[in-house]
Protein backbone atom coordinates (compact mmCIF):
# COMPACT_ATOMS: atom_id res chain seq x y z
CA UNK A 1 3.00 1.79 -26.95
CA UNK A 2 3.27 5.17 -25.24
CA UNK A 3 4.20 7.58 -27.99
CA UNK A 4 5.17 11.19 -28.47
CA UNK A 5 6.03 12.10 -24.88
CA UNK A 6 9.10 13.32 -23.03
CA UNK A 7 10.69 10.25 -21.47
CA UNK A 8 12.29 10.82 -18.07
CA UNK A 9 15.14 8.54 -16.99
CA UNK A 10 18.22 8.57 -14.73
CA UNK A 11 20.28 10.36 -17.38
CA UNK A 12 17.77 13.12 -18.14
CA UNK A 13 14.95 13.50 -20.65
CA UNK A 14 14.52 12.55 -24.29
CA UNK A 15 11.67 12.88 -26.75
CA UNK A 16 10.49 9.47 -27.88
CA UNK A 17 8.23 6.48 -27.43
CA UNK A 18 8.36 3.22 -25.54
CA UNK A 19 6.87 -0.21 -26.04
CA UNK A 20 5.51 -2.30 -23.19
CA UNK A 21 4.91 -6.04 -23.14
CA UNK A 22 2.81 -6.93 -20.10
CA UNK A 23 4.57 -5.12 -17.26
CA UNK A 24 7.95 -4.81 -18.97
CA UNK A 25 9.36 -1.96 -21.08
CA UNK A 26 10.86 -3.79 -24.05
CA UNK A 27 11.91 -0.98 -26.38
CA UNK A 28 12.59 2.76 -26.36
CA UNK A 29 13.04 4.87 -29.46
CA UNK A 30 11.35 6.82 -32.20
CA UNK A 31 7.72 5.76 -32.55
CA UNK A 32 8.09 5.02 -36.24
CA UNK A 33 10.90 2.54 -35.57
CA UNK A 34 9.07 0.55 -32.89
CA UNK A 35 6.93 -2.50 -33.67
CA UNK A 36 3.17 -2.17 -34.06
CA UNK A 37 1.24 -2.25 -30.80
CA UNK A 38 -2.20 -3.55 -29.84
CA UNK A 39 -2.80 -0.33 -27.92
CA UNK A 40 -1.31 3.12 -28.41
CA UNK A 41 -1.38 5.98 -25.89
CA UNK A 42 -0.61 9.47 -27.19
CA UNK A 43 1.56 11.24 -24.60
CA UNK A 44 2.27 14.33 -26.68
CA UNK A 45 3.04 17.30 -24.45
CA UNK A 46 3.35 15.09 -21.36
CA UNK A 47 6.12 13.65 -19.22
CA UNK A 48 6.46 9.86 -19.20
CA UNK A 49 8.08 8.88 -15.93
CA UNK A 50 8.80 5.64 -14.09
CA UNK A 51 6.53 4.88 -11.16
CA UNK A 52 7.62 7.11 -8.28
CA UNK A 53 8.45 5.80 -4.81
CA UNK A 54 7.43 7.88 -1.78
CA UNK A 55 9.62 6.67 1.11
CA UNK A 56 7.90 8.67 3.86
CA UNK A 57 4.09 8.72 4.09
CA UNK A 58 1.85 8.72 7.16
CA UNK A 59 -1.28 6.76 6.36
CA UNK A 60 -3.53 4.24 8.00
CA UNK A 61 -6.00 6.19 10.12
CA UNK A 62 -9.22 7.87 9.12
CA UNK A 63 -9.51 10.04 7.07
CA UNK A 64 -6.15 9.21 5.45
CA UNK A 65 -6.57 5.45 5.26
CA UNK A 66 -4.33 3.11 3.29
CA UNK A 67 -7.01 2.92 0.60
CA UNK A 68 -7.37 6.72 0.43
CA UNK A 69 -3.60 7.19 0.41
CA UNK A 70 -3.05 4.73 -2.42
CA UNK A 71 -5.67 6.44 -4.59
CA UNK A 72 -4.03 9.80 -3.94
CA UNK A 73 -0.63 8.29 -4.71
CA UNK A 74 -1.79 6.81 -8.01
CA UNK A 75 -3.23 10.15 -9.04
CA UNK A 76 0.20 11.75 -8.55
CA UNK A 77 2.19 9.04 -10.33
CA UNK A 78 3.39 7.30 -7.14
CA UNK A 79 3.23 3.53 -7.55
CA UNK A 80 4.84 2.59 -4.22
CA UNK A 81 4.92 4.29 -0.85
CA UNK A 82 6.22 3.38 2.59
CA UNK A 83 4.07 4.26 5.60
CA UNK A 84 4.69 3.64 9.32
CA UNK A 85 3.59 0.73 11.49
CA UNK A 86 3.61 1.93 15.07
CA UNK A 87 4.43 0.26 18.30
CA UNK A 88 1.89 1.56 20.83
CA UNK A 89 -0.41 3.21 18.28
CA UNK A 90 -4.18 3.12 18.73
CA UNK A 91 -5.16 5.86 16.30
CA UNK A 92 -4.76 9.63 15.98
CA UNK A 93 -5.58 10.27 19.66
CA UNK A 94 -2.94 7.83 20.92
CA UNK A 95 -0.03 9.09 23.00
CA UNK A 96 2.10 6.04 22.23
CA UNK A 97 1.57 4.32 25.56
CA UNK A 98 -0.78 1.52 24.58
CA UNK A 99 0.11 -2.13 24.73
CA UNK A 100 0.17 -2.58 20.94
CA UNK A 101 3.43 -4.36 20.06
CA UNK A 102 5.53 -3.57 17.03
CA UNK A 103 4.54 -6.85 15.36
CA UNK A 104 0.85 -6.16 16.05
CA UNK A 105 1.26 -2.71 14.53
CA UNK A 106 2.80 -4.20 11.40
CA UNK A 107 0.09 -6.82 11.08
CA UNK A 108 -2.62 -4.22 11.68
CA UNK A 109 -1.36 -1.96 8.90
CA UNK A 110 -1.27 -4.89 6.50
CA UNK A 111 -4.82 -5.82 7.43
CA UNK A 112 -5.90 -2.24 6.74
CA UNK A 113 -4.67 -2.45 3.15
CA UNK A 114 -7.81 -3.88 1.59
CA UNK A 115 -8.74 -1.67 -1.35
CA UNK A 116 -5.18 -0.46 -1.98
CA UNK A 117 -4.54 0.36 -5.64
CA UNK A 118 -0.73 0.74 -5.52
CA UNK A 119 2.00 -1.08 -3.64
CA UNK A 120 2.79 -0.01 -0.10
CA UNK A 121 5.06 -1.14 2.68
CA UNK A 122 5.90 -0.09 6.22
CA UNK A 123 8.71 1.24 8.35
CA UNK A 124 8.48 -0.16 11.86
CA UNK A 125 8.29 2.62 14.45
CA UNK A 126 9.91 2.08 17.86
CA UNK A 127 8.09 4.49 20.16
CA UNK A 128 8.14 2.87 23.60
CA UNK A 129 11.87 2.67 24.27
CA UNK A 130 11.34 -0.91 25.45
CA UNK A 131 14.21 -3.40 25.46
CA UNK A 132 11.87 -6.25 24.53
CA UNK A 133 11.00 -4.47 21.28
CA UNK A 134 14.56 -5.01 20.08
CA UNK A 135 13.94 -8.75 20.40
CA UNK A 136 11.05 -8.38 17.91
CA UNK A 137 13.08 -6.81 15.10
CA UNK A 138 14.10 -10.12 13.55
CA UNK A 139 10.44 -11.18 13.34
CA UNK A 140 9.63 -7.83 11.72
CA UNK A 141 12.34 -8.37 9.11
CA UNK A 142 10.91 -11.82 8.42
CA UNK A 143 7.59 -10.06 7.68
CA UNK A 144 9.35 -7.88 5.12
CA UNK A 145 9.79 -4.77 7.28
CA UNK A 146 13.47 -3.88 6.94
CA UNK A 147 13.59 -0.30 8.23
CA UNK A 148 12.88 1.07 11.69
CA UNK A 149 12.15 4.63 12.78
CA UNK A 150 12.70 6.37 16.08
CA UNK A 151 12.18 9.91 17.39
CA UNK A 152 14.38 12.05 19.61
CA UNK A 153 11.44 14.31 20.56
CA UNK A 154 7.69 14.40 21.21
CA UNK A 155 5.69 11.74 23.06
CA UNK A 156 7.31 9.03 20.95
CA UNK A 157 10.86 10.22 21.69
CA UNK A 158 13.44 7.74 22.96
CA UNK A 159 16.87 8.31 24.45
CA UNK A 160 20.14 8.36 22.54
CA UNK A 161 21.17 5.35 24.61
CA UNK A 162 18.19 3.41 23.31
CA UNK A 163 18.86 4.55 19.75
CA UNK A 164 22.46 3.34 20.11
CA UNK A 165 21.27 -0.11 21.21
CA UNK A 166 18.64 -0.22 18.49
CA UNK A 167 21.12 0.79 15.79
CA UNK A 168 23.44 -2.05 16.73
CA UNK A 169 20.63 -4.59 16.58
CA UNK A 170 19.38 -3.13 13.29
CA UNK A 171 22.92 -3.35 11.90
CA UNK A 172 23.10 -7.03 12.91
CA UNK A 173 19.98 -7.62 10.79
CA UNK A 174 21.38 -5.61 7.84
CA UNK A 175 18.32 -3.38 8.11
CA UNK A 176 18.00 0.41 8.03
CA UNK A 177 17.60 2.86 10.91
CA UNK A 178 15.59 6.07 10.54
CA UNK A 179 15.40 8.90 13.06
CA UNK A 180 13.38 12.10 13.40
CA UNK A 181 15.98 14.45 14.86
CA UNK A 182 15.29 17.42 17.15
CA UNK A 183 16.94 18.08 20.49
CA UNK A 184 14.07 17.53 22.90
CA UNK A 185 15.60 19.37 25.85
CA UNK A 186 16.13 22.55 23.84
CA UNK A 187 12.71 22.36 22.20
CA UNK A 188 10.86 21.73 25.48
CA UNK A 189 12.70 24.60 27.17
CA UNK A 190 11.77 27.02 24.38
CA UNK A 191 8.20 25.73 24.35
CA UNK A 192 7.93 26.45 28.06
CA UNK A 193 9.20 30.00 27.55
CA UNK A 194 6.65 30.63 24.81
CA UNK A 195 3.81 29.27 26.92
CA UNK A 196 4.88 31.54 29.77
CA UNK A 197 4.64 34.45 27.32
CA UNK A 198 1.17 33.23 26.23
CA UNK A 199 2.51 32.74 22.72
CA UNK A 200 0.37 30.01 21.18
CA UNK A 201 -0.16 31.40 17.71
CA UNK A 202 1.18 29.43 14.70
CA UNK A 203 3.69 32.17 13.90
CA UNK A 204 5.45 31.51 17.21
CA UNK A 205 5.89 27.80 16.54
CA UNK A 206 9.24 28.05 14.69
CA UNK A 207 10.76 29.66 17.77
CA UNK A 208 10.11 26.42 19.67
CA UNK A 209 11.91 24.25 17.07
CA UNK A 210 14.96 26.27 15.94
CA UNK A 211 17.36 25.08 13.27
CA UNK A 212 20.17 24.53 15.76
CA UNK A 213 18.03 22.09 17.77
CA UNK A 214 17.49 19.99 14.66
CA UNK A 215 21.20 20.20 13.78
CA UNK A 216 22.30 19.17 17.27
CA UNK A 217 20.24 15.98 17.18
CA UNK A 218 21.12 15.28 13.54
CA UNK A 219 24.80 15.33 14.45
CA UNK A 220 24.34 13.08 17.49
CA UNK A 221 22.39 10.48 15.54
CA UNK A 222 24.70 10.48 12.51
CA UNK A 223 27.61 9.88 14.90
CA UNK A 224 25.77 7.01 16.62
CA UNK A 225 24.94 5.47 13.23
CA UNK A 226 28.57 5.69 12.15
CA UNK A 227 29.80 4.05 15.34
CA UNK A 228 27.19 1.27 15.07
CA UNK A 229 27.94 0.65 11.39
CA UNK A 230 24.23 0.75 10.59
CA UNK A 231 22.64 1.87 7.36
CA UNK A 232 21.08 5.18 8.37
CA UNK A 233 18.36 7.26 6.71
CA UNK A 234 17.76 10.65 8.29
CA UNK A 235 14.19 11.83 7.84
CA UNK A 236 13.03 15.25 6.62
CA UNK A 237 16.04 17.48 7.16
CA UNK A 238 14.39 20.89 7.03
CA UNK A 239 17.24 23.40 7.25
CA UNK A 240 20.80 23.92 6.10
CA UNK A 241 22.35 23.33 9.51
CA UNK A 242 20.64 19.95 9.84
CA UNK A 243 21.25 19.01 6.20
CA UNK A 244 24.97 19.54 6.63
CA UNK A 245 25.33 17.11 9.53
CA UNK A 246 24.63 13.72 7.86
CA UNK A 247 26.68 14.86 4.87
CA UNK A 248 29.68 15.35 7.16
CA UNK A 249 29.63 11.63 8.04
CA UNK A 250 29.39 10.25 4.50
CA UNK A 251 32.42 8.35 3.35
CA UNK A 252 30.54 7.93 0.57
CA UNK A 253 29.83 4.23 0.64
CA UNK A 254 27.08 5.29 1.29
CA UNK A 255 25.61 4.06 4.55
CA UNK A 256 24.47 7.54 5.57
CA UNK A 257 21.59 8.99 3.61
CA UNK A 258 18.87 11.51 4.30
CA UNK A 259 15.83 13.12 2.80
CA UNK A 260 15.01 16.79 2.64
CA UNK A 261 11.55 18.25 3.06
CA UNK A 262 9.80 21.23 1.55
CA UNK A 263 8.17 22.86 4.56
CA UNK A 264 5.21 25.19 4.72
CA UNK A 265 6.42 28.82 4.69
CA UNK A 266 3.44 30.10 6.69
CA UNK A 267 4.31 28.07 9.78
CA UNK A 268 7.97 27.05 9.42
CA UNK A 269 10.89 29.34 8.74
CA UNK A 270 14.02 27.30 9.28
CA UNK A 271 14.12 25.65 5.83
CA UNK A 272 12.71 28.41 3.67
CA UNK A 273 15.10 30.97 5.07
CA UNK A 274 18.24 28.86 4.76
CA UNK A 275 17.78 26.94 1.51
CA UNK A 276 18.47 23.62 3.22
CA UNK A 277 16.20 21.64 0.90
CA UNK A 278 17.98 22.44 -2.34
CA UNK A 279 21.41 22.50 -0.71
CA UNK A 280 20.87 18.94 0.50
CA UNK A 281 19.92 17.76 -2.97
CA UNK A 282 22.89 19.48 -4.56
CA UNK A 283 25.28 17.85 -2.09
CA UNK A 284 23.70 14.50 -3.01
CA UNK A 285 23.49 13.20 0.55
CA UNK A 286 19.76 13.61 0.23
CA UNK A 287 18.74 12.07 -3.06
CA UNK A 288 15.22 11.75 -1.73
CA UNK A 289 12.85 14.64 -1.17
CA UNK A 290 9.40 14.75 0.36
CA UNK A 291 6.70 17.40 0.62
CA UNK A 292 3.94 17.64 3.23
CA UNK A 293 3.61 13.97 4.01
CA UNK A 294 0.80 13.59 6.53
CA UNK A 295 -2.76 14.77 6.87
CA UNK A 296 -4.10 16.52 9.97
CA UNK A 297 -7.65 17.54 10.67
CA UNK A 298 -8.72 20.54 12.74
CA UNK A 299 -9.68 18.15 15.54
CA UNK A 300 -6.22 16.55 15.51
CA UNK A 301 -4.38 19.87 15.62
CA UNK A 302 -1.33 20.86 13.59
C-alpha cells in the first residue's frame, strides 16, 4: 500500500491511498478502508503519480547512453521513454551520410539497451531522403517501431516532396509521422548574413531561427499530413506562431497532434517571448510537453 499521499490522475488530485497487487493497482481510497498490506509506503507530503512517458528523448551515444538515460528517467518518475534510431548515424560526429540503414539503426539501439532500468522504445529517423528507405518501413513496424521522424532543416533535412511520399507510406502502415519543422532556406540565408557580420555568439543564434521560419514549415507539414491522411505528431513547437499551425488543421479526430517545448531563455527567445508553450497546452493540440531533451558536451557544440 502507498498511503497518505496526493494521488494524481486524469481528473485531478485527491488525498488518499492505493493498494497494489503485483504490478496492478487494485484499490484506491482512504487508507483505513483498504485491506491490510504486506508492505506499506508512507507518501505523506508527496505526489503519487502514474509512471510518466517521455515521447521525445535523444539517447544512445556516450555520455548519454541508453543505460544512463534510463537511470535518469527513473530518478524523475519516467518509466517509459522513446528515443531515436537513426538511418545513417555513426555517433555524435556523424553527418548523416553513412551507410547505416534504418533497420540497422533500430537493431543497434536495441542492442545498446543492456543495463536499461525502465522501458524504452524508438522512433525511426529518416535522414537520407532515400526512396529505398520507404521500402523498409514495413520491416520497422514489424520490429515494433511505429513512428518515423524527419527534418526539414540541418544535415538530416529532407525535401517536402520526400516527406509527402513518406507520409503516404506511413499512412498505409497506420503508423505515425513526426517532423522537426523549420524552413531551411530562410534559416540558411539568415545564418549566412550573421556569419558575414561575424556574429557567432550564442545571443545571435535566435536571429538565425526566427519564429516565422518555424511557423512556415509547421504549416507546410501539417498540410501535407492532412492531404496524406497520416497520423501526424509535430515535434517541439517552440513559439506561438508555430504552435498555432497544427491546431489550425485539427478536425479534432484527432490525427494532428504536437508537443510543445520549454526552451532555454539564455539562448532562445522565440518561445519565451511569445508564450507558445502554455498557449499550445491550453488549446489542447499539444497535450504533450518536453523540456531540454538531449545532452550536448562542449566538444559536440550546442
